[in-house]
Amino acid sequence: WATFGISTVCRTSASDSTSDGNGTVMIQDGELSFSECRTICEDMSGCHGVEYNSKTGYCEVWPVPIGHMEEDRPDYECMQKTTTTTTTTTSTTTQAQPKG
């Protein structure tokens, strides 16, 4: 996870002034912990990040890319999910067979 910083909120772009990513984010019901909010995103294919309010437990899950963030929003934090790439290398060894 990579944070945009404490007191930040997520936006789709610099021109996005909506509180729900122009209707694209998934607002979770109830008061969730930060860990629960992130787990919802981690378990969702294609999730790009979360916006979380530590005071109220408000959680937005972002299935669209976070293109911008706004600062000076107390108690909020916008976090982008980072991806890890696993590389597997396979090698094949062939033994020469004697001609006979």
PDB file of N, CA and C in Angstrom:
ATOM      1  N   TRP A   1       0.835  -1.181   0.000  1.00  0.00           N
ATOM      2  CA  TRP A   1       0.000   0.000   0.000  1.00  0.00           C
ATOM      3  C   TRP A   1       0.879   1.242   0.000  1.00  0.00           C
ATOM      4  N   ALA A   2       0.440   2.271  -0.740  1.00  0.00           N
ATOM      5  CA  ALA A   2       1.156   3.544  -0.775  1.00  0.00           C
ATOM      6  C   ALA A   2       0.172   4.641  -0.402  1.00  0.00           C
ATOM      7  N   THR A   3       0.518   5.419   0.596  1.00  0.00           N
ATOM      8  CA  THR A   3      -0.376   6.478   1.045  1.00  0.00           C
ATOM      9  C   THR A   3      -0.111   7.783   0.296  1.00  0.00           C
ATOM     10  N   PHE A   4      -1.157   8.525   0.079  1.00  0.00           N
ATOM     11  CA  PHE A   4      -1.029   9.874  -0.464  1.00  0.00           C
ATOM     12  C   PHE A   4      -0.839  10.865   0.679  1.00  0.00           C
ATOM     13  N   GLY A   5      -0.878  10.358   1.908  1.00  0.00           N
ATOM     14  CA  GLY A   5      -0.665  11.182   3.086  1.00  0.00           C
ATOM     15  C   GLY A   5      -1.904  11.274   3.961  1.00  0.00           C
ATOM     16  N   ILE A   6      -1.662  11.615   5.206  1.00  0.00           N
ATOM     17  CA  ILE A   6      -2.762  11.845   6.140  1.00  0.00           C
ATOM     18  C   ILE A   6      -3.493  13.114   5.707  1.00  0.00           C
ATOM     19  N   SER A   7      -4.785  13.149   5.935  1.00  0.00           N
ATOM     20  CA  SER A   7      -5.643  14.292   5.566  1.00  0.00           C
ATOM     21  C   SER A   7      -5.773  14.461   4.059  1.00  0.00           C
ATOM     22  N   THR A   8      -5.841  13.324   3.337  1.00  0.00           N
ATOM     23  CA  THR A   8      -6.060  13.356   1.888  1.00  0.00           C
ATOM     24  C   THR A   8      -7.294  12.539   1.530  1.00  0.00           C
ATOM     25  N   VAL A   9      -7.953  12.919   0.446  1.00  0.00           N
ATOM     26  CA  VAL A   9      -9.074  12.166  -0.100  1.00  0.00           C
ATOM     27  C   VAL A   9      -8.769  11.834  -1.559  1.00  0.00           C
ATOM     28  N   CYS A  10      -9.332  10.732  -2.035  1.00  0.00           N
ATOM     29  CA  CYS A  10      -9.089  10.257  -3.401  1.00  0.00           C
ATOM     30  C   CYS A  10     -10.039  10.934  -4.387  1.00  0.00           C
ATOM     31  N   ARG A  11      -9.552  11.163  -5.583  1.00  0.00           N
ATOM     32  CA  ARG A  11     -10.362  11.709  -6.668  1.00  0.00           C
ATOM     33  C   ARG A  11      -9.967  11.020  -7.972  1.00  0.00           C
ATOM     34  N   THR A  12     -10.874  10.978  -8.934  1.00  0.00           N
ATOM     35  CA  THR A  12     -10.566  10.363 -10.224  1.00  0.00           C
ATOM     36  C   THR A  12      -9.628  11.234 -11.051  1.00  0.00           C
ATOM     37  N   SER A  13      -9.738  12.561 -10.889  1.00  0.00           N
ATOM     38  CA  SER A  13      -8.896  13.507 -11.622  1.00  0.00           C
ATOM     39  C   SER A  13      -8.892  14.830 -10.874  1.00  0.00           C
ATOM     40  N   ALA A  14      -8.094  15.772 -11.328  1.00  0.00           N
ATOM     41  CA  ALA A  14      -8.025  17.090 -10.696  1.00  0.00           C
ATOM     42  C   ALA A  14      -9.351  17.838 -10.819  1.00  0.00           C
ATOM     43  N   SER A  15     -10.134  17.514 -11.833  1.00  0.00           N
ATOM     44  CA  SER A  15     -11.422  18.194 -12.019  1.00  0.00           C
ATOM     45  C   SER A  15     -12.578  17.510 -11.294  1.00  0.00           C
ATOM     46  N   ASP A  16     -12.314  16.369 -10.640  1.00  0.00           N
ATOM     47  CA  ASP A  16     -13.347  15.624  -9.909  1.00  0.00           C
ATOM     48  C   ASP A  16     -13.597  16.295  -8.559  1.00  0.00           C
ATOM     49  N   SER A  17     -14.765  16.881  -8.405  1.00  0.00           N
ATOM     50  CA  SER A  17     -15.124  17.515  -7.136  1.00  0.00           C
ATOM     51  C   SER A  17     -16.199  16.722  -6.392  1.00  0.00           C
ATOM     52  N   THR A  18     -16.473  15.500  -6.867  1.00  0.00           N
ATOM     53  CA  THR A  18     -17.484  14.662  -6.225  1.00  0.00           C
ATOM     54  C   THR A  18     -16.877  13.928  -5.031  1.00  0.00           C
ATOM     55  N   SER A  19     -17.723  13.466  -4.153  1.00  0.00           N
ATOM     56  CA  SER A  19     -17.245  12.721  -2.993  1.00  0.00           C
ATOM     57  C   SER A  19     -17.271  11.212  -3.231  1.00  0.00           C
ATOM     58  N   ASP A  20     -17.697  10.790  -4.434  1.00  0.00           N
ATOM     59  CA  ASP A  20     -17.802   9.349  -4.702  1.00  0.00           C
ATOM     60  C   ASP A  20     -17.183   8.946  -6.037  1.00  0.00           C
ATOM     61  N   GLY A  21     -16.182   9.682  -6.495  1.00  0.00           N
ATOM     62  CA  GLY A  21     -15.518   9.323  -7.750  1.00  0.00           C
ATOM     63  C   GLY A  21     -16.465   9.298  -8.927  1.00  0.00           C
ATOM     64  N   ASN A  22     -17.376  10.284  -8.978  1.00  0.00           N
ATOM     65  CA  ASN A  22     -18.393  10.349 -10.034  1.00  0.00           C
ATOM     66  C   ASN A  22     -19.260   9.090 -10.074  1.00  0.00           C
ATOM     67  N   GLY A  23     -19.540   8.549  -8.889  1.00  0.00           N
ATOM     68  CA  GLY A  23     -20.415   7.385  -8.782  1.00  0.00           C
ATOM     69  C   GLY A  23     -19.724   6.058  -9.036  1.00  0.00           C
ATOM     70  N   THR A  24     -18.399   6.057  -9.091  1.00  0.00           N
ATOM     71  CA  THR A  24     -17.682   4.825  -9.417  1.00  0.00           C
ATOM     72  C   THR A  24     -17.173   4.060  -8.200  1.00  0.00           C
ATOM     73  N   VAL A  25     -17.098   4.700  -7.037  1.00  0.00           N
ATOM     74  CA  VAL A  25     -16.548   4.013  -5.863  1.00  0.00           C
ATOM     75  C   VAL A  25     -17.623   3.205  -5.153  1.00  0.00           C
ATOM     76  N   MET A  26     -17.164   2.267  -4.351  1.00  0.00           N
ATOM     77  CA  MET A  26     -18.071   1.429  -3.578  1.00  0.00           C
ATOM     78  C   MET A  26     -17.972   1.851  -2.122  1.00  0.00           C
ATOM     79  N   ILE A  27     -19.027   2.443  -1.597  1.00  0.00           N
ATOM     80  CA  ILE A  27     -19.057   2.893  -0.207  1.00  0.00           C
ATOM     81  C   ILE A  27     -19.505   1.717   0.654  1.00  0.00           C
ATOM     82  N   GLN A  28     -18.697   1.392   1.655  1.00  0.00           N
ATOM     83  CA  GLN A  28     -18.981   0.250   2.516  1.00  0.00           C
ATOM     84  C   GLN A  28     -19.857   0.680   3.690  1.00  0.00           C
ATOM     85  N   ASP A  29     -20.826  -0.137   4.016  1.00  0.00           N
ATOM     86  CA  ASP A  29     -21.727   0.157   5.129  1.00  0.00           C
ATOM     87  C   ASP A  29     -21.055  -0.146   6.460  1.00  0.00           C
ATOM     88  N   GLY A  30     -21.396   0.622   7.473  1.00  0.00           N
ATOM     89  CA  GLY A  30     -20.916   0.365   8.827  1.00  0.00           C
ATOM     90  C   GLY A  30     -19.595   1.035   9.119  1.00  0.00           C
ATOM     91  N   GLU A  31     -19.209   0.923  10.367  1.00  0.00           N
ATOM     92  CA  GLU A  31     -17.931   1.460  10.806  1.00  0.00           C
ATOM     93  C   GLU A  31     -16.892   0.354  10.704  1.00  0.00           C
ATOM     94  N   LEU A  32     -15.953   0.523   9.805  1.00  0.00           N
ATOM     95  CA  LEU A  32     -14.924  -0.483   9.584  1.00  0.00           C
ATOM     96  C   LEU A  32     -13.586  -0.014  10.131  1.00  0.00           C
ATOM     97  N   SER A  33     -12.735  -0.964  10.448  1.00  0.00           N
ATOM     98  CA  SER A  33     -11.358  -0.616  10.791  1.00  0.00           C
ATOM     99  C   SER A  33     -10.613  -0.377   9.480  1.00  0.00           C
ATOM    100  N   PHE A  34      -9.466   0.277   9.582  1.00  0.00           N
ATOM    101  CA  PHE A  34      -8.651   0.524   8.392  1.00  0.00           C
ATOM    102  C   PHE A  34      -8.240  -0.805   7.760  1.00  0.00           C
ATOM    103  N   SER A  35      -7.913  -1.776   8.584  1.00  0.00           N
ATOM    104  CA  SER A  35      -7.524  -3.091   8.102  1.00  0.00           C
ATOM    105  C   SER A  35      -8.670  -3.765   7.346  1.00  0.00           C
ATOM    106  N   GLU A  36      -9.890  -3.674   7.880  1.00  0.00           N
ATOM    107  CA  GLU A  36     -11.054  -4.267   7.205  1.00  0.00           C
ATOM    108  C   GLU A  36     -11.304  -3.598   5.855  1.00  0.00           C
ATOM    109  N   CYS A  37     -11.147  -2.298   5.807  1.00  0.00           N
ATOM    110  CA  CYS A  37     -11.348  -1.542   4.566  1.00  0.00           C
ATOM    111  C   CYS A  37     -10.341  -1.999   3.501  1.00  0.00           C
ATOM    112  N   ARG A  38      -9.082  -2.101   3.884  1.00  0.00           N
ATOM    113  CA  ARG A  38      -8.046  -2.543   2.948  1.00  0.00           C
ATOM    114  C   ARG A  38      -8.267  -3.985   2.509  1.00  0.00           C
ATOM    115  N   THR A  39      -8.708  -4.847   3.424  1.00  0.00           N
ATOM    116  CA  THR A  39      -8.944  -6.254   3.088  1.00  0.00           C
ATOM    117  C   THR A  39     -10.026  -6.388   2.026  1.00  0.00           C
ATOM    118  N   ILE A  40     -11.068  -5.574   2.099  1.00  0.00           N
ATOM    119  CA  ILE A  40     -12.126  -5.603   1.081  1.00  0.00           C
ATOM    120  C   ILE A  40     -11.512  -5.329  -0.287  1.00  0.00           C
ATOM    121  N   CYS A  41     -10.644  -4.337  -0.361  1.00  0.00           N
ATOM    122  CA  CYS A  41      -9.972  -4.002  -1.616  1.00  0.00           C
ATOM    123  C   CYS A  41      -9.050  -5.133  -2.066  1.00  0.00           C
ATOM    124  N   GLU A  42      -8.273  -5.673  -1.145  1.00  0.00           N
ATOM    125  CA  GLU A  42      -7.337  -6.742  -1.484  1.00  0.00           C
ATOM    126  C   GLU A  42      -8.049  -7.980  -2.029  1.00  0.00           C
ATOM    127  N   ASP A  43      -9.255  -8.228  -1.528  1.00  0.00           N
ATOM    128  CA  ASP A  43     -10.020  -9.393  -1.964  1.00  0.00           C
ATOM    129  C   ASP A  43     -10.778  -9.157  -3.267  1.00  0.00           C
ATOM    130  N   MET A  44     -10.767  -7.915  -3.757  1.00  0.00           N
ATOM    131  CA  MET A  44     -11.523  -7.550  -4.961  1.00  0.00           C
ATOM    132  C   MET A  44     -10.588  -7.461  -6.166  1.00  0.00           C
ATOM    133  N   SER A  45     -10.910  -8.184  -7.193  1.00  0.00           N
ATOM    134  CA  SER A  45     -10.128  -8.102  -8.416  1.00  0.00           C
ATOM    135  C   SER A  45     -10.259  -6.711  -9.030  1.00  0.00           C
ATOM    136  N   GLY A  46      -9.158  -6.101  -9.375  1.00  0.00           N
ATOM    137  CA  GLY A  46      -9.179  -4.798 -10.031  1.00  0.00           C
ATOM    138  C   GLY A  46      -9.296  -3.610  -9.107  1.00  0.00           C
ATOM    139  N   CYS A  47      -9.207  -3.810  -7.804  1.00  0.00           N
ATOM    140  CA  CYS A  47      -9.296  -2.677  -6.873  1.00  0.00           C
ATOM    141  C   CYS A  47      -8.011  -1.857  -6.936  1.00  0.00           C
ATOM    142  N   HIS A  48      -8.162  -0.527  -6.958  1.00  0.00           N
ATOM    143  CA  HIS A  48      -7.009   0.370  -7.066  1.00  0.00           C
ATOM    144  C   HIS A  48      -6.633   1.033  -5.746  1.00  0.00           C
ATOM    145  N   GLY A  49      -7.555   1.096  -4.785  1.00  0.00           N
ATOM    146  CA  GLY A  49      -7.216   1.723  -3.522  1.00  0.00           C
ATOM    147  C   GLY A  49      -8.427   1.971  -2.647  1.00  0.00           C
ATOM    148  N   VAL A  50      -8.188   2.675  -1.535  1.00  0.00           N
ATOM    149  CA  VAL A  50      -9.254   2.983  -0.587  1.00  0.00           C
ATOM    150  C   VAL A  50      -9.116   4.409  -0.072  1.00  0.00           C
ATOM    151  N   GLU A  51     -10.235   4.936   0.357  1.00  0.00           N
ATOM    152  CA  GLU A  51     -10.267   6.195   1.104  1.00  0.00           C
ATOM    153  C   GLU A  51     -10.914   5.855   2.442  1.00  0.00           C
ATOM    154  N   TYR A  52     -10.271   6.253   3.535  1.00  0.00           N
ATOM    155  CA  TYR A  52     -10.734   5.841   4.851  1.00  0.00           C
ATOM    156  C   TYR A  52     -10.759   7.027   5.807  1.00  0.00           C
ATOM    157  N   ASN A  53     -11.804   7.082   6.640  1.00  0.00           N
ATOM    158  CA  ASN A  53     -11.902   8.099   7.680  1.00  0.00           C
ATOM    159  C   ASN A  53     -11.700   7.418   9.023  1.00  0.00           C
ATOM    160  N   SER A  54     -10.603   7.765   9.690  1.00  0.00           N
ATOM    161  CA  SER A  54     -10.242   7.097  10.944  1.00  0.00           C
ATOM    162  C   SER A  54     -11.167   7.454  12.100  1.00  0.00           C
ATOM    163  N   LYS A  55     -11.874   8.556  11.992  1.00  0.00           N
ATOM    164  CA  LYS A  55     -12.773   8.979  13.072  1.00  0.00           C
ATOM    165  C   LYS A  55     -14.124   8.272  13.002  1.00  0.00           C
ATOM    166  N   THR A  56     -14.637   8.073  11.785  1.00  0.00           N
ATOM    167  CA  THR A  56     -15.977   7.513  11.621  1.00  0.00           C
ATOM    168  C   THR A  56     -16.002   6.062  11.137  1.00  0.00           C
ATOM    169  N   GLY A  57     -14.856   5.548  10.617  1.00  0.00           N
ATOM    170  CA  GLY A  57     -14.831   4.208  10.047  1.00  0.00           C
ATOM    171  C   GLY A  57     -15.399   4.154   8.643  1.00  0.00           C
ATOM    172  N   TYR A  58     -15.574   5.321   8.018  1.00  0.00           N
ATOM    173  CA  TYR A  58     -16.080   5.413   6.645  1.00  0.00           C
ATOM    174  C   TYR A  58     -15.045   4.832   5.687  1.00  0.00           C
ATOM    175  N   CYS A  59     -15.499   3.999   4.741  1.00  0.00           N
ATOM    176  CA  CYS A  59     -14.592   3.321   3.819  1.00  0.00           C
ATOM    177  C   CYS A  59     -15.132   3.373   2.394  1.00  0.00           C
ATOM    178  N   GLU A  60     -14.313   3.886   1.486  1.00  0.00           N
ATOM    179  CA  GLU A  60     -14.603   3.835   0.057  1.00  0.00           C
ATOM    180  C   GLU A  60     -13.594   2.901  -0.589  1.00  0.00           C
ATOM    181  N   VAL A  61     -14.089   1.985  -1.409  1.00  0.00           N
ATOM    182  CA  VAL A  61     -13.227   1.081  -2.159  1.00  0.00           C
ATOM    183  C   VAL A  61     -13.245   1.556  -3.610  1.00  0.00           C
ATOM    184  N   TRP A  62     -12.053   1.707  -4.183  1.00  0.00           N
ATOM    185  CA  TRP A  62     -11.893   2.300  -5.515  1.00  0.00           C
ATOM    186  C   TRP A  62     -11.591   1.254  -6.591  1.00  0.00           C
ATOM    187  N   PRO A  63     -12.619   0.868  -7.379  1.00  0.00           N
ATOM    188  CA  PRO A  63     -12.390  -0.063  -8.480  1.00  0.00           C
ATOM    189  C   PRO A  63     -11.883   0.633  -9.747  1.00  0.00           C
ATOM    190  N   VAL A  64     -11.696   1.941  -9.669  1.00  0.00           N
ATOM    191  CA  VAL A  64     -11.162   2.732 -10.787  1.00  0.00           C
ATOM    192  C   VAL A  64      -9.849   3.374 -10.329  1.00  0.00           C
ATOM    193  N   PRO A  65      -8.975   3.727 -11.267  1.00  0.00           N
ATOM    194  CA  PRO A  65      -7.711   4.342 -10.876  1.00  0.00           C
ATOM    195  C   PRO A  65      -7.909   5.658 -10.118  1.00  0.00           C
ATOM    196  N   ILE A  66      -7.058   5.865  -9.130  1.00  0.00           N
ATOM    197  CA  ILE A  66      -7.040   7.123  -8.379  1.00  0.00           C
ATOM    198  C   ILE A  66      -6.131   8.061  -9.152  1.00  0.00           C
ATOM    199  N   GLY A  67      -6.719   9.065  -9.767  1.00  0.00           N
ATOM    200  CA  GLY A  67      -5.944   9.956 -10.622  1.00  0.00           C
ATOM    201  C   GLY A  67      -5.470  11.212  -9.932  1.00  0.00           C
ATOM    202  N   HIS A  68      -5.990  11.463  -8.727  1.00  0.00           N
ATOM    203  CA  HIS A  68      -5.675  12.717  -8.044  1.00  0.00           C
ATOM    204  C   HIS A  68      -6.055  12.567  -6.574  1.00  0.00           C
ATOM    205  N   MET A  69      -5.497  13.400  -5.740  1.00  0.00           N
ATOM    206  CA  MET A  69      -5.920  13.453  -4.345  1.00  0.00           C
ATOM    207  C   MET A  69      -6.012  14.904  -3.918  1.00  0.00           C
ATOM    208  N   GLU A  70      -6.870  15.147  -2.945  1.00  0.00           N
ATOM    209  CA  GLU A  70      -7.011  16.481  -2.374  1.00  0.00           C
ATOM    210  C   GLU A  70      -6.519  16.445  -0.941  1.00  0.00           C
ATOM    211  N   GLU A  71      -5.861  17.518  -0.530  1.00  0.00           N
ATOM    212  CA  GLU A  71      -5.319  17.599   0.821  1.00  0.00           C
ATOM    213  C   GLU A  71      -6.232  18.409   1.737  1.00  0.00           C
ATOM    214  N   ASP A  72      -5.840  18.455   2.990  1.00  0.00           N
ATOM    215  CA  ASP A  72      -6.509  19.240   4.026  1.00  0.00           C
ATOM    216  C   ASP A  72      -7.906  18.716   4.346  1.00  0.00           C
ATOM    217  N   ARG A  73      -8.012  17.393   4.427  1.00  0.00           N
ATOM    218  CA  ARG A  73      -9.263  16.734   4.815  1.00  0.00           C
ATOM    219  C   ARG A  73      -9.002  15.938   6.086  1.00  0.00           C
ATOM    220  N   PRO A  74      -9.149  16.557   7.246  1.00  0.00           N
ATOM    221  CA  PRO A  74      -8.830  15.889   8.519  1.00  0.00           C
ATOM    222  C   PRO A  74      -9.522  14.528   8.664  1.00  0.00           C
ATOM    223  N   ASP A  75      -8.792  13.591   9.245  1.00  0.00           N
ATOM    224  CA  ASP A  75      -9.257  12.241   9.567  1.00  0.00           C
ATOM    225  C   ASP A  75      -9.346  11.301   8.363  1.00  0.00           C
ATOM    226  N   TYR A  76      -9.120  11.793   7.152  1.00  0.00           N
ATOM    227  CA  TYR A  76      -9.167  10.944   5.957  1.00  0.00           C
ATOM    228  C   TYR A  76      -7.769  10.557   5.516  1.00  0.00           C
ATOM    229  N   GLU A  77      -7.707   9.429   4.806  1.00  0.00           N
ATOM    230  CA  GLU A  77      -6.456   9.032   4.163  1.00  0.00           C
ATOM    231  C   GLU A  77      -6.784   8.280   2.885  1.00  0.00           C
ATOM    232  N   CYS A  78      -6.166   8.712   1.804  1.00  0.00           N
ATOM    233  CA  CYS A  78      -6.305   8.051   0.507  1.00  0.00           C
ATOM    234  C   CYS A  78      -5.080   7.164   0.314  1.00  0.00           C
ATOM    235  N   MET A  79      -5.328   5.885   0.031  1.00  0.00           N
ATOM    236  CA  MET A  79      -4.227   4.935  -0.161  1.00  0.00           C
ATOM    237  C   MET A  79      -4.415   4.176  -1.462  1.00  0.00           C
ATOM    238  N   GLN A  80      -3.325   4.034  -2.184  1.00  0.00           N
ATOM    239  CA  GLN A  80      -3.339   3.289  -3.432  1.00  0.00           C
ATOM    240  C   GLN A  80      -2.758   1.905  -3.205  1.00  0.00           C
ATOM    241  N   LYS A  81      -3.439   0.919  -3.756  1.00  0.00           N
ATOM    242  CA  LYS A  81      -2.959  -0.463  -3.650  1.00  0.00           C
ATOM    243  C   LYS A  81      -1.767  -0.624  -4.592  1.00  0.00           C
ATOM    244  N   THR A  82      -0.702  -1.167  -4.063  1.00  0.00           N
ATOM    245  CA  THR A  82       0.471  -1.417  -4.898  1.00  0.00           C
ATOM    246  C   THR A  82       0.451  -2.878  -5.313  1.00  0.00           C
ATOM    247  N   THR A  83       1.042  -3.145  -6.434  1.00  0.00           N
ATOM    248  CA  THR A  83       1.069  -4.515  -6.918  1.00  0.00           C
ATOM    249  C   THR A  83       2.473  -5.059  -6.789  1.00  0.00           C
ATOM    250  N   THR A  84       2.531  -6.320  -6.520  1.00  0.00           N
ATOM    251  CA  THR A  84       3.819  -6.997  -6.494  1.00  0.00           C
ATOM    252  C   THR A  84       3.857  -7.957  -7.660  1.00  0.00           C
ATOM    253  N   THR A  85       4.978  -8.002  -8.310  1.00  0.00           N
ATOM    254  CA  THR A  85       5.143  -8.874  -9.457  1.00  0.00           C
ATOM    255  C   THR A  85       6.034 -10.035  -9.071  1.00  0.00           C
ATOM    256  N   THR A  86       5.561 -11.209  -9.357  1.00  0.00           N
ATOM    257  CA  THR A  86       6.344 -12.410  -9.103  1.00  0.00           C
ATOM    258  C   THR A  86       6.841 -12.946 -10.430  1.00  0.00           C
ATOM    259  N   THR A  87       8.127 -13.146 -10.514  1.00  0.00           N
ATOM    260  CA  THR A  87       8.716 -13.675 -11.739  1.00  0.00           C
ATOM    261  C   THR A  87       9.191 -15.094 -11.474  1.00  0.00           C
ATOM    262  N   THR A  88       8.782 -15.990 -12.328  1.00  0.00           N
ATOM    263  CA  THR A  88       9.211 -17.379 -12.228  1.00  0.00           C
ATOM    264  C   THR A  88      10.089 -17.689 -13.425  1.00  0.00           C
ATOM    265  N   THR A  89      11.254 -18.221 -13.155  1.00  0.00           N
ATOM    266  CA  THR A  89      12.173 -18.608 -14.227  1.00  0.00           C
ATOM    267  C   THR A  89      12.237 -20.120 -14.286  1.00  0.00           C
ATOM    268  N   THR A  90      12.061 -20.640 -15.469  1.00  0.00           N
ATOM    269  CA  THR A  90      12.127 -22.078 -15.679  1.00  0.00           C
ATOM    270  C   THR A  90      13.285 -22.375 -16.617  1.00  0.00           C
ATOM    271  N   SER A  91      14.096 -23.341 -16.253  1.00  0.00           N
ATOM    272  CA  SER A  91      15.187 -23.734 -17.147  1.00  0.00           C
ATOM    273  C   SER A  91      15.060 -25.220 -17.448  1.00  0.00           C
ATOM    274  N   THR A  92      15.477 -25.576 -18.617  1.00  0.00           N
ATOM    275  CA  THR A  92      15.425 -26.967 -19.048  1.00  0.00           C
ATOM    276  C   THR A  92      16.833 -27.401 -19.404  1.00  0.00           C
ATOM    277  N   THR A  93      17.221 -28.540 -18.899  1.00  0.00           N
ATOM    278  CA  THR A  93      18.535 -29.095 -19.208  1.00  0.00           C
ATOM    279  C   THR A  93      18.332 -30.332 -20.069  1.00  0.00           C
ATOM    280  N   THR A  94      19.012 -30.361 -21.183  1.00  0.00           N
ATOM    281  CA  THR A  94      18.921 -31.499 -22.088  1.00  0.00           C
ATOM    282  C   THR A  94      20.286 -32.173 -22.134  1.00  0.00           C
ATOM    283  N   GLN A  95      20.310 -33.473 -21.889  1.00  0.00           N
ATOM    284  CA  GLN A  95      21.560 -34.216 -21.968  1.00  0.00           C
ATOM    285  C   GLN A  95      21.729 -34.758 -23.373  1.00  0.00           C
ATOM    286  N   ALA A  96      22.953 -34.648 -23.844  1.00  0.00           N
ATOM    287  CA  ALA A  96      23.250 -35.195 -25.167  1.00  0.00           C
ATOM    288  C   ALA A  96      23.250 -36.709 -25.093  1.00  0.00           C
ATOM    289  N   GLN A  97      22.666 -37.330 -26.039  1.00  0.00           N
ATOM    290  CA  GLN A  97      22.640 -38.787 -26.106  1.00  0.00           C
ATOM    291  C   GLN A  97      23.773 -39.254 -27.024  1.00  0.00           C
ATOM    292  N   PRO A  98      24.489 -40.264 -26.604  1.00  0.00           N
ATOM    293  CA  PRO A  98      25.588 -40.771 -27.464  1.00  0.00           C
ATOM    294  C   PRO A  98      25.046 -41.376 -28.760  1.00  0.00           C
ATOM    295  N   LYS A  99      25.760 -41.127 -29.826  1.00  0.00           N
ATOM    296  CA  LYS A  99      25.349 -41.712 -31.120  1.00  0.00           C
ATOM    297  C   LYS A  99      25.891 -43.132 -31.179  1.00  0.00           C
ATOM    298  N   GLY A 100      25.118 -43.988 -31.586  1.00  0.00           N
ATOM    299  CA  GLY A 100      25.650 -45.305 -31.575  1.00  0.00           C
ATOM    300  C   GLY A 100      25.118 -46.164 -32.575  1.00  0.00           C
TER     301      GLY A 100
END
